[in-house]
Amino acid sequence: MFVTDYSMSSAELAIAAEERGFESMWIPEHSHIPTSRISPFPGGGDLPQMYYDVFDPFAALASAAAVTQKVKLVQQSIKNHLPCLFVFLSISIL
């Protein structure tokens, strides 16, 4: 789920996932959006607003971690981060 200011919060989603017995919760990111939209969106039409508005995945996962015990919290698209930045951000929330 794209966590935005108009979606369910990551904490609410994590609680709901854990209550329903889900094993994991995945949070996407989309930090690299070109200012020029020359390439078409694969789904057709304009790029959905949620791609522009998605929260930082580490903040969203930290919020989810604070309210859950069992559900595994996963960030998608790790490849978009520089390895040293990823390590720094990961360590800062542990």
Protein backbone atom coordinates (compact mmCIF):
# COMPACT_ATOMS: atom_id res chain seq x y z
CA MET A 1 0.00 0.00 0.00
CA PHE A 2 1.22 3.50 -0.78
CA VAL A 3 1.20 5.29 2.59
CA THR A 4 0.09 8.89 2.00
CA ASP A 5 -1.70 11.58 3.99
CA TYR A 6 -5.00 10.38 2.47
CA SER A 7 -4.55 6.60 2.97
CA MET A 8 -4.83 4.38 6.00
CA SER A 9 -1.78 4.95 8.22
CA SER A 10 0.97 2.35 8.23
CA ALA A 11 0.32 1.74 11.94
CA GLU A 12 -3.38 1.07 11.27
CA LEU A 13 -2.51 -1.21 8.37
CA ALA A 14 0.05 -3.13 10.44
CA ILE A 15 -2.45 -3.68 13.25
CA ALA A 16 -5.10 -4.85 10.79
CA ALA A 17 -2.63 -7.17 9.03
CA GLU A 18 -1.49 -8.71 12.31
CA GLU A 19 -5.08 -9.17 13.56
CA ARG A 20 -5.93 -11.01 10.36
CA GLY A 21 -2.93 -13.32 10.56
CA PHE A 22 -0.92 -11.90 7.67
CA GLU A 23 2.75 -12.85 7.74
CA SER A 24 4.11 -9.61 6.30
CA MET A 25 3.30 -6.04 5.30
CA TRP A 26 5.06 -4.43 2.33
CA ILE A 27 5.58 -0.68 1.97
CA PRO A 28 6.59 0.67 -1.45
CA GLU A 29 8.54 3.78 -2.22
CA HIS A 30 8.88 5.89 -5.31
CA SER A 31 11.60 8.42 -4.70
CA HIS A 32 12.68 8.87 -8.32
CA ILE A 33 10.07 10.58 -10.49
CA PRO A 34 11.41 12.49 -13.48
CA THR A 35 10.19 16.07 -13.85
CA SER A 36 9.51 15.32 -17.50
CA ARG A 37 6.85 12.66 -18.05
CA ILE A 38 8.02 11.57 -21.52
CA SER A 39 7.65 7.85 -20.75
CA PRO A 40 4.01 6.80 -20.49
CA PHE A 41 2.68 5.24 -17.30
CA PRO A 42 2.39 1.47 -17.96
CA GLY A 43 -1.16 1.46 -16.60
CA GLY A 44 -2.21 4.13 -19.10
CA GLY A 45 -3.13 7.74 -18.46
CA ASP A 46 -1.35 10.03 -16.02
CA LEU A 47 0.91 8.83 -13.23
CA PRO A 48 -1.37 8.32 -10.19
CA GLN A 49 -1.05 10.99 -7.51
CA MET A 50 -0.02 8.43 -4.86
CA TYR A 51 3.36 8.05 -6.59
CA TYR A 52 4.10 11.71 -5.87
CA ASP A 53 2.69 11.66 -2.33
CA VAL A 54 4.07 8.40 -0.89
CA PHE A 55 5.67 8.76 2.55
CA ASP A 56 9.25 7.79 3.32
CA PRO A 57 9.19 3.99 3.73
CA PHE A 58 11.48 4.00 6.77
CA ALA A 59 9.21 6.39 8.66
CA ALA A 60 6.15 4.36 7.66
CA LEU A 61 7.78 1.09 8.77
CA ALA A 62 8.96 2.61 12.05
CA SER A 63 5.37 3.65 12.77
CA ALA A 64 4.16 0.13 11.98
CA ALA A 65 6.90 -1.48 14.09
CA ALA A 66 5.83 0.52 17.13
CA VAL A 67 2.39 -1.13 17.21
CA THR A 68 3.03 -4.73 16.09
CA GLN A 69 4.69 -7.86 17.45
CA LYS A 70 4.59 -10.60 14.79
CA VAL A 71 4.05 -9.20 11.30
CA LYS A 72 7.20 -8.87 9.19
CA LEU A 73 7.70 -5.34 7.86
CA VAL A 74 9.28 -5.05 4.43
CA GLN A 75 10.29 -2.16 2.21
CA GLN A 76 10.03 -2.68 -1.55
CA SER A 77 12.41 -1.11 -4.07
CA ILE A 78 15.54 -1.14 -1.94
CA LYS A 79 17.54 -1.04 -5.19
CA ASN A 80 16.67 2.67 -5.57
CA HIS A 81 18.73 3.61 -2.51
CA LEU A 82 22.45 4.08 -2.36
CA PRO A 83 23.78 1.21 -0.22
CA CYS A 84 25.41 3.51 2.36
CA LEU A 85 22.21 5.55 2.72
CA PHE A 86 20.15 2.39 3.13
CA VAL A 87 22.46 1.12 5.91
CA PHE A 88 22.41 4.50 7.68
CA LEU A 89 18.61 4.75 7.58
CA SER A 90 18.16 1.12 8.62
CA ILE A 91 20.47 1.45 11.61
CA SER A 92 18.80 4.68 12.71
CA ILE A 93 15.43 2.93 13.26
CA LEU A 94 16.76 -0.22 14.98
